[in-house]
Amino acid sequence: MFDPVYIGIHAMLYKKADEVFFKEVDAGSDTELQVLIGPEEAPNFCMRRFRMKPGGGMPEHTNTVEHQQYVLGGRARIGIGSEVIEVSRDDVIFIPAGVAHWYESLGPENFEFICMVPNSPDKIEILGNC
């Protein structure tokens, strides 16, 4: 595992994203996650990168924390509440706390996005199947 470098008295953090390991998301299908900046590294927000293979995704679920997301590449269909949208590179998504949402990677390449969440306790409730 990569050791981050803290620089100066302000505890700035620097590390290479490609050196942070991916782990499978148990609730998803063909979906993996990197915790780029975790709660032990920053006081307010966690930065995560998700990668879904074509046809992969996440089942409908709720979280007790909001999500702020930036699409890095690929295409996906996302359900948020009663709305369904298609997203691709450079799209930005906000999912309020408590709102049901799901993901389906449309391919042909992997769907990848950055997801920022507050460093607060988060309860995840799975509502559907992937």
Protein backbone atom coordinates (compact mmCIF):
# COMPACT_ATOMS: atom_id res chain seq x y z
CA MET A 1 0.00 0.00 0.00
CA PHE A 2 1.20 3.51 -0.82
CA ASP A 3 2.28 5.77 2.04
CA PRO A 4 0.94 9.32 1.53
CA VAL A 5 3.29 12.25 1.89
CA TYR A 6 2.28 15.01 4.29
CA ILE A 7 3.91 18.32 3.41
CA GLY A 8 4.53 21.26 5.74
CA ILE A 9 2.76 22.37 8.88
CA HIS A 10 -0.66 22.41 7.21
CA ALA A 11 -0.70 18.61 6.73
CA MET A 12 -1.29 18.81 2.98
CA LEU A 13 -1.72 15.32 1.56
CA TYR A 14 -0.24 14.08 -1.71
CA LYS A 15 -0.40 10.62 -3.22
CA LYS A 16 -0.76 8.93 -6.61
CA ALA A 17 -4.31 7.65 -7.26
CA ASP A 18 -2.95 4.75 -9.31
CA GLU A 19 -1.08 3.52 -6.23
CA VAL A 20 -4.23 3.27 -4.09
CA PHE A 21 -5.72 -0.23 -4.20
CA PHE A 22 -9.22 -0.95 -5.51
CA LYS A 23 -11.59 -3.19 -3.56
CA GLU A 24 -14.77 -4.89 -4.75
CA VAL A 25 -18.07 -3.35 -3.70
CA ASP A 26 -19.94 -6.28 -2.14
CA ALA A 27 -23.44 -4.95 -2.87
CA GLY A 28 -22.62 -4.12 -6.50
CA SER A 29 -21.89 -6.18 -9.59
CA ASP A 30 -18.61 -5.67 -11.46
CA THR A 31 -18.02 -2.56 -9.33
CA GLU A 32 -14.91 -1.57 -7.41
CA LEU A 33 -13.92 1.34 -5.22
CA GLN A 34 -10.80 3.27 -4.22
CA VAL A 35 -10.76 5.43 -1.10
CA LEU A 36 -8.53 8.23 -2.36
CA ILE A 37 -8.83 10.39 0.77
CA GLY A 38 -10.30 8.68 3.81
CA PRO A 39 -11.66 10.00 7.09
CA GLU A 40 -8.31 9.40 8.77
CA GLU A 41 -6.66 11.76 6.25
CA ALA A 42 -9.10 14.69 6.05
CA PRO A 43 -11.50 16.09 8.65
CA ASN A 44 -14.63 16.83 6.61
CA PHE A 45 -14.94 14.80 3.40
CA CYS A 46 -14.01 11.41 1.98
CA MET A 47 -13.02 11.19 -1.72
CA ARG A 48 -13.70 7.90 -3.47
CA ARG A 49 -13.34 6.68 -7.04
CA PHE A 50 -15.78 4.09 -8.35
CA ARG A 51 -15.21 1.93 -11.42
CA MET A 52 -18.00 -0.17 -12.99
CA LYS A 53 -17.45 -2.56 -15.87
CA PRO A 54 -19.98 -2.45 -18.74
CA GLY A 55 -23.20 -4.02 -17.48
CA GLY A 56 -22.10 -3.61 -13.86
CA GLY A 57 -23.76 -1.41 -11.32
CA MET A 58 -25.15 -0.80 -7.87
CA PRO A 59 -28.61 -1.82 -6.64
CA GLU A 60 -31.17 0.70 -5.45
CA HIS A 61 -30.15 1.92 -2.02
CA THR A 62 -30.22 4.88 0.35
CA ASN A 63 -27.48 6.53 2.38
CA THR A 64 -27.78 8.82 5.38
CA VAL A 65 -25.17 11.15 3.84
CA GLU A 66 -25.28 13.20 0.64
CA HIS A 67 -23.17 12.33 -2.42
CA GLN A 68 -21.41 14.78 -4.74
CA GLN A 69 -20.16 13.08 -7.89
CA TYR A 70 -18.06 13.94 -10.96
CA VAL A 71 -18.00 11.56 -13.93
CA LEU A 72 -14.47 10.79 -15.17
CA GLY A 73 -15.44 8.58 -18.11
CA GLY A 74 -17.82 6.03 -19.56
CA ARG A 75 -21.60 6.18 -19.57
CA ALA A 76 -24.23 5.11 -17.06
CA ARG A 77 -27.91 5.20 -16.32
CA ILE A 78 -28.60 6.44 -12.79
CA GLY A 79 -31.90 6.38 -10.94
CA ILE A 80 -32.29 9.10 -8.30
CA GLY A 81 -35.66 9.05 -6.57
CA SER A 82 -38.25 8.81 -9.35
CA GLU A 83 -35.91 10.26 -12.02
CA VAL A 84 -33.66 8.28 -14.38
CA ILE A 85 -30.79 10.08 -16.12
CA GLU A 86 -27.95 9.09 -18.44
CA VAL A 87 -24.56 10.54 -17.58
CA SER A 88 -21.12 10.66 -19.19
CA ARG A 89 -17.73 12.35 -18.85
CA ASP A 90 -17.72 15.75 -17.10
CA ASP A 91 -21.28 15.44 -15.76
CA VAL A 92 -21.88 16.39 -12.13
CA ILE A 93 -24.47 14.70 -9.90
CA PHE A 94 -25.81 15.58 -6.45
CA ILE A 95 -27.70 12.93 -4.50
CA PRO A 96 -29.34 14.24 -1.32
CA ALA A 97 -29.11 12.19 1.89
CA GLY A 98 -31.89 9.65 2.22
CA VAL A 99 -32.85 9.59 -1.49
CA ALA A 100 -32.92 6.16 -3.15
CA HIS A 101 -30.49 5.76 -6.07
CA TRP A 102 -28.96 3.07 -8.33
CA TYR A 103 -26.39 2.78 -11.16
CA GLU A 104 -26.08 0.79 -14.38
CA SER A 105 -22.90 1.05 -16.48
CA LEU A 106 -23.83 1.27 -20.17
CA GLY A 107 -20.40 0.61 -21.75
CA PRO A 108 -18.64 0.05 -24.00
CA GLU A 109 -15.91 1.29 -21.61
CA ASN A 110 -15.84 1.31 -17.81
CA PHE A 111 -17.96 3.92 -16.04
CA GLU A 112 -15.79 5.85 -13.56
CA PHE A 113 -16.64 8.66 -11.19
CA ILE A 114 -15.38 10.54 -8.16
CA CYS A 115 -17.75 10.51 -5.19
CA MET A 116 -17.36 12.92 -2.28
CA VAL A 117 -19.23 12.20 0.95
CA PRO A 118 -19.10 13.84 4.38
CA ASN A 119 -17.07 12.11 7.07
CA SER A 120 -20.22 11.37 9.06
CA PRO A 121 -21.73 8.06 10.09
CA ASP A 122 -23.46 6.56 7.04
CA LYS A 123 -26.14 3.91 7.16
CA ILE A 124 -26.69 2.17 3.81
CA GLU A 125 -29.99 0.42 3.15
CA ILE A 126 -30.20 -1.85 0.09
CA LEU A 127 -33.68 -1.63 -1.49
CA GLY A 128 -33.28 -3.67 -4.68
CA ASN A 129 -31.12 -6.13 -6.59
CA CYS A 130 -28.32 -5.30 -8.97
